[in-house]
C-alpha cells in the first residue's frame, strides 16, 4: 500500500512538472513573439529618407593617379528612370571629395544606353574621344571609372562603348580598343 501511495505521488509530481514546463514554454514563446513584433524605430523615417540610396562612383585620385570609389547618397527615383545615364552624368560632373577628380572630358554627352544581357552599351558623343587625356594610363582610367561604376549594378557585367552610334577603335595607338567589351578592373 505504501508503494502505491509513493508511486501515486511520483506520478502526480511528474505530471505537475510536465504541465508547469508546458505552460512556461507556451507563455515564454508568446512573450518572445510579442517582443519581436513590437519593435518600433526610435526615430521616425520620412518618405524622403526611404527613397535615398547610396551609389558607388569611381574617380581618379589626384595625387596617386589610381581609381578610387566615392559613395554618393541620392534619391532612388533619379536612378529608376535612366540609371545608366544618371550614373555617367554624375561621373562627368565630378566628385564631392576634393582629393578625387573626374577624368571624363567635360563636354561629353550620353547619347544612349542599352542593356543587352549583362553587357551595357553606352553611346557617347565625339568629345569623349576628341578631348580624352593624352596619356594612355589616363585614357585607361577614364574608361575604367565608367566601367567600374556601372558594374556596381548587379545587372551589368561588362560595358561596350559607341561614339556617335558607331563602333570605333578609339585609342588603339595606346593599346585600348573601344570595340572591346570592358569588364571590371580591380
N, C-alpha and C. Protein backbone atom coordinates (compact mmCIF):
# COMPACT_ATOMS: atom_id res chain seq x y z
N UNK A 1 0.82 -1.17 0.00
CA UNK A 1 0.00 0.00 0.00
C UNK A 1 0.88 1.26 0.00
N UNK A 2 1.93 1.23 0.80
CA UNK A 2 2.83 2.35 0.87
C UNK A 2 3.52 2.58 -0.48
N UNK A 3 3.82 1.52 -1.19
CA UNK A 3 4.43 1.64 -2.51
C UNK A 3 3.46 2.29 -3.49
N UNK A 4 2.16 1.99 -3.37
CA UNK A 4 1.17 2.57 -4.25
C UNK A 4 1.02 4.07 -3.99
N UNK A 5 1.09 4.50 -2.76
CA UNK A 5 0.97 5.91 -2.40
C UNK A 5 2.18 6.68 -2.94
N UNK A 6 3.38 6.12 -2.73
CA UNK A 6 4.60 6.77 -3.21
C UNK A 6 4.57 6.86 -4.74
N UNK A 7 4.15 5.76 -5.39
CA UNK A 7 4.05 5.75 -6.84
C UNK A 7 3.03 6.77 -7.32
N UNK A 8 1.91 6.90 -6.65
CA UNK A 8 0.87 7.87 -7.00
C UNK A 8 1.40 9.29 -6.85
N UNK A 9 2.12 9.54 -5.74
CA UNK A 9 2.69 10.87 -5.52
C UNK A 9 3.71 11.20 -6.60
N UNK A 10 4.53 10.24 -6.97
CA UNK A 10 5.52 10.45 -8.02
C UNK A 10 4.86 10.76 -9.36
N UNK A 11 3.80 10.04 -9.68
CA UNK A 11 3.10 10.26 -10.94
C UNK A 11 2.48 11.65 -10.95
N UNK A 12 1.84 12.06 -9.86
CA UNK A 12 1.23 13.38 -9.76
C UNK A 12 2.32 14.46 -9.86
N UNK A 13 3.43 14.22 -9.18
CA UNK A 13 4.55 15.16 -9.22
C UNK A 13 5.10 15.31 -10.63
N UNK A 14 5.28 14.20 -11.33
CA UNK A 14 5.81 14.22 -12.70
C UNK A 14 4.83 14.93 -13.62
N UNK A 15 3.53 14.63 -13.50
CA UNK A 15 2.53 15.30 -14.32
C UNK A 15 2.48 16.80 -14.01
N UNK A 16 2.63 17.17 -12.76
CA UNK A 16 2.66 18.58 -12.38
C UNK A 16 3.85 19.30 -12.99
N UNK A 17 5.01 18.66 -12.96
CA UNK A 17 6.21 19.25 -13.54
C UNK A 17 6.06 19.41 -15.05
N UNK A 18 5.54 18.39 -15.71
CA UNK A 18 5.35 18.46 -17.16
C UNK A 18 4.36 19.57 -17.51
N UNK A 19 3.26 19.67 -16.77
CA UNK A 19 2.27 20.71 -17.01
C UNK A 19 2.90 22.08 -16.81
N UNK A 20 3.66 22.24 -15.73
CA UNK A 20 4.33 23.51 -15.45
C UNK A 20 5.28 23.89 -16.60
N UNK A 21 6.07 22.95 -17.09
CA UNK A 21 7.01 23.22 -18.17
C UNK A 21 6.29 23.59 -19.47
N UNK A 22 5.19 22.92 -19.77
CA UNK A 22 4.42 23.23 -20.98
C UNK A 22 3.85 24.64 -20.88
N UNK A 23 3.28 24.99 -19.73
CA UNK A 23 2.70 26.32 -19.55
C UNK A 23 3.79 27.39 -19.64
N UNK A 24 4.91 27.18 -19.01
CA UNK A 24 6.03 28.15 -19.05
C UNK A 24 6.53 28.30 -20.48
N UNK A 25 6.67 27.18 -21.22
CA UNK A 25 7.16 27.21 -22.60
C UNK A 25 6.21 28.00 -23.50
N UNK A 26 4.91 27.76 -23.39
CA UNK A 26 3.92 28.47 -24.19
C UNK A 26 3.95 29.96 -23.85
N UNK A 27 3.96 30.29 -22.57
CA UNK A 27 3.99 31.69 -22.14
C UNK A 27 5.27 32.38 -22.61
N UNK A 28 6.40 31.72 -22.51
CA UNK A 28 7.69 32.29 -22.91
C UNK A 28 7.72 32.55 -24.41
N UNK A 29 7.22 31.60 -25.22
CA UNK A 29 7.20 31.77 -26.68
C UNK A 29 6.32 32.95 -27.08
N UNK A 30 5.16 33.11 -26.43
CA UNK A 30 4.29 34.25 -26.74
C UNK A 30 4.97 35.55 -26.38
N UNK A 31 5.68 35.57 -25.26
CA UNK A 31 6.39 36.78 -24.83
C UNK A 31 7.49 37.15 -25.84
N UNK A 32 8.24 36.16 -26.34
CA UNK A 32 9.30 36.41 -27.32
C UNK A 32 8.69 36.92 -28.62
N UNK A 33 7.59 36.31 -29.09
CA UNK A 33 6.94 36.76 -30.31
C UNK A 33 6.45 38.20 -30.15
N UNK A 34 5.89 38.53 -28.99
CA UNK A 34 5.43 39.89 -28.76
C UNK A 34 6.59 40.87 -28.78
N UNK A 35 7.73 40.48 -28.23
CA UNK A 35 8.90 41.35 -28.25
C UNK A 35 9.37 41.59 -29.68
N UNK A 36 9.36 40.56 -30.49
CA UNK A 36 9.81 40.68 -31.87
C UNK A 36 8.85 41.56 -32.67
N UNK A 37 7.57 41.39 -32.49
CA UNK A 37 6.58 42.13 -33.26
C UNK A 37 6.43 43.58 -32.80
N UNK A 38 6.87 43.91 -31.61
CA UNK A 38 6.64 45.23 -31.08
C UNK A 38 7.84 46.15 -31.19
N UNK A 39 8.78 45.85 -32.06
CA UNK A 39 9.95 46.71 -32.24
C UNK A 39 9.52 47.93 -33.04
N UNK A 40 9.80 49.10 -32.50
CA UNK A 40 9.48 50.34 -33.19
C UNK A 40 10.74 51.17 -33.31
N UNK A 41 10.88 51.87 -34.42
CA UNK A 41 12.08 52.69 -34.58
C UNK A 41 12.09 53.84 -33.58
N UNK A 42 13.29 54.21 -33.15
CA UNK A 42 13.41 55.31 -32.21
C UNK A 42 13.15 56.65 -32.90
N UNK A 43 13.49 56.72 -34.18
CA UNK A 43 13.30 57.96 -34.93
C UNK A 43 12.39 57.64 -36.11
N UNK A 44 11.43 58.48 -36.34
CA UNK A 44 10.53 58.30 -37.47
C UNK A 44 11.29 58.52 -38.78
N UNK A 45 11.10 57.61 -39.73
CA UNK A 45 11.78 57.70 -41.02
C UNK A 45 10.83 58.37 -42.00
N UNK A 46 11.29 59.44 -42.61
CA UNK A 46 10.45 60.18 -43.55
C UNK A 46 10.40 59.46 -44.90
N UNK A 47 9.40 59.82 -45.71
CA UNK A 47 9.29 59.24 -47.05
C UNK A 47 10.51 59.58 -47.90
N UNK A 48 11.04 60.77 -47.70
CA UNK A 48 12.21 61.21 -48.47
C UNK A 48 13.43 60.34 -48.12
N UNK A 49 13.59 60.02 -46.84
CA UNK A 49 14.71 59.17 -46.42
C UNK A 49 14.57 57.75 -46.94
N UNK A 50 13.34 57.28 -47.07
CA UNK A 50 13.11 55.95 -47.60
C UNK A 50 13.51 55.85 -49.06
N UNK A 51 13.47 56.97 -49.77
CA UNK A 51 13.77 56.97 -51.19
C UNK A 51 15.26 57.11 -51.49
N UNK A 52 16.09 57.32 -50.50
CA UNK A 52 17.50 57.54 -50.77
C UNK A 52 18.27 56.23 -50.85
N UNK A 53 19.31 56.24 -51.63
CA UNK A 53 20.19 55.09 -51.76
C UNK A 53 21.62 55.59 -51.92
N UNK A 54 22.55 54.72 -51.66
CA UNK A 54 23.96 55.09 -51.84
C UNK A 54 24.46 54.41 -53.11
N UNK A 55 25.06 55.21 -53.98
CA UNK A 55 25.67 54.67 -55.19
C UNK A 55 27.19 54.83 -55.05
N UNK A 56 27.90 53.93 -55.70
CA UNK A 56 29.36 54.00 -55.69
C UNK A 56 29.84 54.48 -57.05
N UNK A 57 30.54 55.59 -57.02
CA UNK A 57 31.10 56.18 -58.24
C UNK A 57 32.62 56.07 -58.15
N UNK A 58 33.26 55.95 -59.29
CA UNK A 58 34.72 55.83 -59.32
C UNK A 58 35.34 57.04 -60.01
N UNK A 59 36.34 57.60 -59.35
CA UNK A 59 37.07 58.74 -59.86
C UNK A 59 38.56 58.47 -59.71
N UNK A 60 39.37 59.38 -60.22
CA UNK A 60 40.82 59.24 -60.14
C UNK A 60 41.33 60.07 -58.96
N UNK A 61 42.19 59.46 -58.15
CA UNK A 61 42.82 60.17 -57.05
C UNK A 61 43.82 61.16 -57.67
N UNK A 62 43.68 62.43 -57.33
CA UNK A 62 44.51 63.49 -57.92
C UNK A 62 45.99 63.31 -57.60
N UNK A 63 46.31 62.74 -56.45
CA UNK A 63 47.70 62.60 -56.04
C UNK A 63 48.35 61.33 -56.58
N UNK A 64 47.64 60.19 -56.45
CA UNK A 64 48.25 58.90 -56.81
C UNK A 64 47.95 58.47 -58.24
N UNK A 65 46.88 59.01 -58.84
CA UNK A 65 46.50 58.61 -60.18
C UNK A 65 45.73 57.29 -60.22
N UNK A 66 45.45 56.72 -59.06
CA UNK A 66 44.71 55.45 -59.02
C UNK A 66 43.20 55.71 -58.99
N UNK A 67 42.45 54.68 -59.36
CA UNK A 67 40.99 54.79 -59.36
C UNK A 67 40.49 54.46 -57.95
N UNK A 68 39.65 55.35 -57.41
CA UNK A 68 39.10 55.16 -56.07
C UNK A 68 37.61 55.42 -56.09
N UNK A 69 36.92 54.81 -55.14
CA UNK A 69 35.46 54.94 -55.09
C UNK A 69 35.04 56.10 -54.18
N UNK A 70 33.85 56.60 -54.48
CA UNK A 70 33.22 57.62 -53.65
C UNK A 70 31.75 57.23 -53.52
N UNK A 71 31.27 57.14 -52.30
CA UNK A 71 29.86 56.86 -52.07
C UNK A 71 29.06 58.15 -52.19
N UNK A 72 27.91 58.05 -52.81
CA UNK A 72 27.08 59.24 -53.01
C UNK A 72 25.65 58.88 -52.63
N UNK A 73 25.07 59.65 -51.73
CA UNK A 73 23.68 59.47 -51.32
C UNK A 73 22.80 60.23 -52.30
N UNK A 74 21.83 59.52 -52.87
CA UNK A 74 20.96 60.18 -53.84
C UNK A 74 19.54 59.62 -53.80
N UNK A 75 18.63 60.32 -54.40
CA UNK A 75 17.23 59.93 -54.46
C UNK A 75 17.07 58.73 -55.40
N UNK A 76 16.45 57.68 -54.92
CA UNK A 76 16.26 56.47 -55.72
C UNK A 76 15.45 56.73 -56.99
N UNK A 77 14.54 57.69 -56.93
CA UNK A 77 13.70 57.99 -58.10
C UNK A 77 14.54 58.44 -59.28
N UNK A 78 15.65 59.14 -59.01
CA UNK A 78 16.53 59.58 -60.10
C UNK A 78 17.13 58.38 -60.83
N UNK A 79 17.39 57.33 -60.11
CA UNK A 79 18.00 56.15 -60.72
C UNK A 79 17.00 55.27 -61.45
N UNK A 80 15.75 55.33 -61.07
CA UNK A 80 14.76 54.43 -61.66
C UNK A 80 14.51 54.70 -63.13
N UNK A 81 14.47 55.96 -63.53
CA UNK A 81 14.13 56.29 -64.91
C UNK A 81 15.26 55.96 -65.88
N UNK A 82 16.44 56.48 -65.63
CA UNK A 82 17.58 56.26 -66.52
C UNK A 82 18.83 56.04 -65.66
N UNK A 83 18.97 54.85 -65.06
CA UNK A 83 20.07 54.65 -64.11
C UNK A 83 21.45 54.81 -64.74
N UNK A 84 21.64 54.31 -65.94
CA UNK A 84 22.97 54.33 -66.55
C UNK A 84 23.35 55.76 -66.94
N UNK A 85 22.43 56.48 -67.56
CA UNK A 85 22.69 57.88 -67.93
C UNK A 85 22.98 58.71 -66.67
N UNK A 86 22.19 58.49 -65.63
CA UNK A 86 22.36 59.24 -64.39
C UNK A 86 23.75 59.02 -63.81
N UNK A 87 24.18 57.77 -63.75
CA UNK A 87 25.49 57.47 -63.17
C UNK A 87 26.63 58.07 -64.00
N UNK A 88 26.53 57.95 -65.32
CA UNK A 88 27.59 58.50 -66.17
C UNK A 88 27.63 60.03 -66.03
N UNK A 89 26.46 60.66 -65.99
CA UNK A 89 26.42 62.12 -65.83
C UNK A 89 26.99 62.55 -64.48
N UNK A 90 26.78 61.75 -63.44
CA UNK A 90 27.39 62.05 -62.15
C UNK A 90 28.92 61.96 -62.25
N UNK A 91 29.41 61.01 -63.03
CA UNK A 91 30.85 60.89 -63.23
C UNK A 91 31.40 62.11 -63.96
N UNK A 92 30.67 62.57 -64.97
CA UNK A 92 31.11 63.74 -65.74
C UNK A 92 31.11 64.99 -64.85
N UNK A 93 30.09 65.13 -64.00
CA UNK A 93 30.00 66.28 -63.10
C UNK A 93 31.18 66.32 -62.13
N UNK A 94 31.64 65.16 -61.71
CA UNK A 94 32.79 65.11 -60.83
C UNK A 94 32.46 64.72 -59.41
N UNK A 95 33.52 64.48 -58.62
CA UNK A 95 33.34 64.01 -57.25
C UNK A 95 33.04 65.15 -56.27
N UNK A 96 32.59 64.77 -55.10
CA UNK A 96 32.41 65.73 -53.99
C UNK A 96 33.73 65.83 -53.20
N UNK A 97 34.49 64.74 -53.16
CA UNK A 97 35.77 64.69 -52.44
C UNK A 97 36.83 65.45 -53.23
N UNK A 98 37.47 66.42 -52.60
CA UNK A 98 38.44 67.26 -53.30
C UNK A 98 39.72 66.52 -53.68
N UNK A 99 39.98 65.36 -53.07
CA UNK A 99 41.18 64.61 -53.43
C UNK A 99 40.97 63.75 -54.68
N UNK A 100 39.73 63.70 -55.16
CA UNK A 100 39.41 62.93 -56.36
C UNK A 100 39.06 63.88 -57.50
N UNK A 101 39.18 63.38 -58.73
CA UNK A 101 38.81 64.21 -59.88
C UNK A 101 38.20 63.34 -60.98
N UNK A 102 37.36 63.99 -61.77
CA UNK A 102 36.78 63.30 -62.93
C UNK A 102 37.76 63.43 -64.08
N UNK A 103 37.91 62.35 -64.80
CA UNK A 103 38.85 62.34 -65.92
C UNK A 103 38.10 62.30 -67.26
N UNK A 104 36.79 62.21 -67.19
CA UNK A 104 35.96 62.18 -68.41
C UNK A 104 35.87 63.61 -68.95
N UNK A 105 36.10 63.79 -70.24
CA UNK A 105 36.04 65.14 -70.82
C UNK A 105 34.72 65.83 -70.51
N UNK A 106 34.82 67.10 -70.13
CA UNK A 106 33.69 67.89 -69.65
C UNK A 106 32.48 67.92 -70.58
N UNK A 107 32.66 68.10 -71.84
CA UNK A 107 31.54 68.25 -72.77
C UNK A 107 30.99 66.92 -73.29
N UNK A 108 31.47 65.82 -72.75
CA UNK A 108 30.98 64.51 -73.17
C UNK A 108 29.50 64.39 -72.83
N UNK A 109 28.74 63.88 -73.76
CA UNK A 109 27.31 63.68 -73.54
C UNK A 109 26.96 62.20 -73.72
N UNK A 110 26.01 61.75 -72.93
CA UNK A 110 25.49 60.39 -73.07
C UNK A 110 24.36 60.45 -74.09
N UNK A 111 24.56 59.80 -75.24
CA UNK A 111 23.55 59.84 -76.29
C UNK A 111 22.51 58.73 -76.11
N UNK A 112 22.98 57.56 -75.63
CA UNK A 112 22.07 56.44 -75.47
C UNK A 112 22.76 55.37 -74.62
N UNK A 113 21.95 54.56 -73.97
CA UNK A 113 22.46 53.37 -73.27
C UNK A 113 21.51 52.22 -73.58
N UNK A 114 22.07 51.02 -73.68
CA UNK A 114 21.25 49.85 -73.99
C UNK A 114 21.84 48.63 -73.29
N UNK A 115 21.04 47.98 -72.46
CA UNK A 115 21.48 46.77 -71.78
C UNK A 115 21.02 45.57 -72.58
N UNK A 116 21.97 44.76 -73.01
CA UNK A 116 21.67 43.53 -73.75
C UNK A 116 22.33 42.38 -73.00
N UNK A 117 21.50 41.56 -72.36
CA UNK A 117 22.06 40.52 -71.49
C UNK A 117 22.69 41.21 -70.30
N UNK A 118 23.97 40.94 -70.07
CA UNK A 118 24.69 41.58 -68.97
C UNK A 118 25.68 42.63 -69.47
N UNK A 119 25.61 42.94 -70.77
CA UNK A 119 26.52 43.93 -71.36
C UNK A 119 25.77 45.24 -71.62
N UNK A 120 26.30 46.32 -71.04
CA UNK A 120 25.71 47.63 -71.24
C UNK A 120 26.47 48.35 -72.34
N UNK A 121 25.76 48.75 -73.39
CA UNK A 121 26.37 49.54 -74.46
C UNK A 121 26.07 51.00 -74.20
N UNK A 122 27.13 51.80 -74.19
CA UNK A 122 27.00 53.24 -73.95
C UNK A 122 27.39 53.98 -75.22
N UNK A 123 26.51 54.84 -75.68
CA UNK A 123 26.79 55.68 -76.85
C UNK A 123 27.12 57.08 -76.34
N UNK A 124 28.37 57.48 -76.53
CA UNK A 124 28.84 58.79 -76.05
C UNK A 124 29.11 59.72 -77.24
N UNK A 125 29.15 61.00 -76.97
CA UNK A 125 29.44 61.98 -78.01
C UNK A 125 30.92 61.95 -78.37
N UNK A 126 31.24 62.56 -79.50
CA UNK A 126 32.60 62.57 -80.05
C UNK A 126 33.62 63.18 -79.07
N UNK A 127 33.17 64.06 -78.19
CA UNK A 127 34.07 64.71 -77.23
C UNK A 127 34.81 63.71 -76.35
N UNK A 128 34.19 62.56 -76.13
CA UNK A 128 34.82 61.52 -75.30
C UNK A 128 36.17 61.11 -75.89
N UNK A 129 36.23 60.99 -77.20
CA UNK A 129 37.47 60.58 -77.87
C UNK A 129 38.35 61.81 -78.17
N UNK A 130 37.73 62.87 -78.69
CA UNK A 130 38.49 64.05 -79.12
C UNK A 130 39.18 64.77 -77.96
N UNK A 131 38.54 64.84 -76.82
CA UNK A 131 39.08 65.59 -75.68
C UNK A 131 39.65 64.68 -74.59
N UNK A 132 39.90 63.44 -74.94
CA UNK A 132 40.45 62.49 -73.97
C UNK A 132 41.86 62.90 -73.54
N UNK A 133 42.27 62.50 -72.36
CA UNK A 133 43.64 62.79 -71.94
C UNK A 133 44.65 62.19 -72.92
N UNK A 134 45.83 62.77 -72.99
CA UNK A 134 46.86 62.30 -73.91
C UNK A 134 47.55 61.04 -73.42
N UNK A 135 47.69 60.92 -72.11
CA UNK A 135 48.41 59.80 -71.51
C UNK A 135 47.58 58.52 -71.58
N UNK A 136 48.21 57.39 -71.96
CA UNK A 136 47.48 56.12 -72.11
C UNK A 136 46.93 55.62 -70.78
N UNK A 137 47.64 55.86 -69.68
CA UNK A 137 47.14 55.43 -68.36
C UNK A 137 45.90 56.22 -68.00
N UNK A 138 45.91 57.52 -68.29
CA UNK A 138 44.74 58.34 -68.02
C UNK A 138 43.56 57.95 -68.89
N UNK A 139 43.82 57.56 -70.14
CA UNK A 139 42.74 57.08 -71.01
C UNK A 139 42.14 55.80 -70.43
N UNK A 140 43.01 54.91 -69.99
CA UNK A 140 42.54 53.67 -69.37
C UNK A 140 41.71 53.98 -68.11
N UNK A 141 42.21 54.88 -67.28
CA UNK A 141 41.48 55.28 -66.08
C UNK A 141 40.13 55.90 -66.42
N UNK A 142 40.08 56.69 -67.49
CA UNK A 142 38.84 57.32 -67.93
C UNK A 142 37.80 56.23 -68.24
N UNK A 143 38.22 55.21 -68.94
CA UNK A 143 37.31 54.11 -69.30
C UNK A 143 36.88 53.34 -68.06
N UNK A 144 37.85 53.03 -67.19
CA UNK A 144 37.52 52.18 -66.05
C UNK A 144 36.78 52.91 -64.92
N UNK A 145 36.82 54.23 -64.89
CA UNK A 145 35.94 54.91 -63.93
C UNK A 145 34.48 54.67 -64.32
N UNK A 146 34.23 54.64 -65.62
CA UNK A 146 32.87 54.36 -66.12
C UNK A 146 32.52 52.88 -65.91
N UNK A 147 33.41 52.01 -66.34
CA UNK A 147 33.15 50.56 -66.26
C UNK A 147 32.95 50.12 -64.81
N UNK A 148 33.84 50.54 -63.92
CA UNK A 148 33.71 50.13 -62.51
C UNK A 148 32.45 50.68 -61.87
N UNK A 149 32.07 51.90 -62.22
CA UNK A 149 30.84 52.47 -61.67
C UNK A 149 29.62 51.68 -62.14
N UNK A 150 29.56 51.39 -63.43
CA UNK A 150 28.37 50.71 -63.97
C UNK A 150 28.31 49.24 -63.58
N UNK A 151 29.45 48.60 -63.40
CA UNK A 151 29.43 47.19 -62.98
C UNK A 151 29.14 47.03 -61.49
N UNK A 152 28.99 48.14 -60.78
CA UNK A 152 28.48 48.07 -59.40
C UNK A 152 27.01 47.63 -59.42
N UNK A 153 26.33 47.87 -60.53
CA UNK A 153 24.94 47.43 -60.68
C UNK A 153 24.93 45.94 -60.95
N UNK A 154 24.06 45.21 -60.28
CA UNK A 154 24.07 43.75 -60.38
C UNK A 154 23.76 43.23 -61.78
N UNK A 155 23.05 44.01 -62.59
CA UNK A 155 22.69 43.52 -63.92
C UNK A 155 23.77 43.77 -64.97
N UNK A 156 24.82 44.50 -64.62
CA UNK A 156 25.86 44.85 -65.59
C UNK A 156 27.16 44.12 -65.25
N UNK A 157 27.63 43.30 -66.20
CA UNK A 157 28.92 42.61 -66.03
C UNK A 157 30.01 43.21 -66.91
N UNK A 158 29.60 43.83 -68.03
CA UNK A 158 30.58 44.41 -68.95
C UNK A 158 29.99 45.64 -69.63
N UNK A 159 30.89 46.45 -70.20
CA UNK A 159 30.48 47.70 -70.84
C UNK A 159 31.14 47.78 -72.21
N UNK A 160 30.35 48.20 -73.20
CA UNK A 160 30.84 48.41 -74.56
C UNK A 160 30.58 49.88 -74.90
N UNK A 161 31.53 50.48 -75.62
CA UNK A 161 31.43 51.90 -75.95
C UNK A 161 31.13 52.11 -77.43
N UNK A 162 30.23 53.03 -77.72
CA UNK A 162 29.99 53.54 -79.07
C UNK A 162 30.25 55.03 -79.03
N UNK A 163 30.68 55.58 -80.15
CA UNK A 163 30.86 57.02 -80.27
C UNK A 163 29.96 57.49 -81.40
N UNK A 164 29.02 58.37 -81.07
CA UNK A 164 28.01 58.84 -82.03
C UNK A 164 27.32 57.69 -82.75
N UNK A 165 27.01 56.64 -82.04
CA UNK A 165 26.28 55.50 -82.59
C UNK A 165 27.13 54.52 -83.37
N UNK A 166 28.43 54.74 -83.46
CA UNK A 166 29.31 53.88 -84.26
C UNK A 166 30.35 53.19 -83.38
N UNK A 167 30.71 51.98 -83.78
CA UNK A 167 31.85 51.32 -83.14
C UNK A 167 33.12 51.95 -83.69
N UNK A 168 33.99 52.38 -82.81
CA UNK A 168 35.26 52.98 -83.23
C UNK A 168 36.38 52.31 -82.45
N UNK A 169 37.55 52.27 -83.08
CA UNK A 169 38.68 51.66 -82.39
C UNK A 169 39.15 52.54 -81.24
N UNK A 170 38.94 53.84 -81.35
CA UNK A 170 39.23 54.74 -80.23
C UNK A 170 40.70 55.00 -80.01
N UNK A 171 41.28 54.33 -79.05
CA UNK A 171 42.64 54.61 -78.60
C UNK A 171 43.57 53.45 -78.89
N UNK A 172 43.47 52.88 -80.08
CA UNK A 172 44.28 51.71 -80.42
C UNK A 172 45.78 51.97 -80.31
N UNK A 173 46.21 53.19 -80.61
CA UNK A 173 47.64 53.51 -80.51
C UNK A 173 48.13 53.40 -79.06
N UNK A 174 47.19 53.48 -78.11
CA UNK A 174 47.53 53.34 -76.68
C UNK A 174 47.22 51.93 -76.17
N UNK A 175 46.85 51.04 -77.09
CA UNK A 175 46.53 49.68 -76.69
C UNK A 175 45.14 49.51 -76.11
N UNK A 176 44.27 50.48 -76.38
CA UNK A 176 42.89 50.43 -75.88
C UNK A 176 41.94 50.46 -77.07
N UNK A 177 41.26 49.35 -77.29
CA UNK A 177 40.34 49.24 -78.40
C UNK A 177 38.92 49.40 -77.87
N UNK A 178 38.25 50.47 -78.23
CA UNK A 178 36.90 50.73 -77.75
C UNK A 178 35.87 49.75 -78.31
N UNK A 179 36.24 48.94 -79.29
CA UNK A 179 35.31 47.94 -79.82
C UNK A 179 35.19 46.74 -78.89
N UNK A 180 36.07 46.65 -77.91
CA UNK A 180 36.06 45.53 -76.96
C UNK A 180 34.98 45.75 -75.90
N UNK A 181 34.60 44.64 -75.25
CA UNK A 181 33.77 44.74 -74.06
C UNK A 181 34.71 44.84 -72.87
N UNK A 182 34.46 45.80 -72.01
CA UNK A 182 35.31 46.01 -70.84
C UNK A 182 34.63 45.46 -69.60
N UNK A 183 35.41 44.71 -68.82
CA UNK A 183 34.90 44.20 -67.55
C UNK A 183 35.60 44.95 -66.42
N UNK A 184 35.08 44.79 -65.26
CA UNK A 184 35.56 45.48 -64.06
C UNK A 184 37.05 45.32 -63.85
N UNK A 185 37.71 46.40 -63.46
CA UNK A 185 39.14 46.38 -63.15
C UNK A 185 39.28 46.57 -61.64
N UNK A 186 39.90 45.64 -61.01
CA UNK A 186 40.08 45.73 -59.54
C UNK A 186 41.35 46.43 -59.19
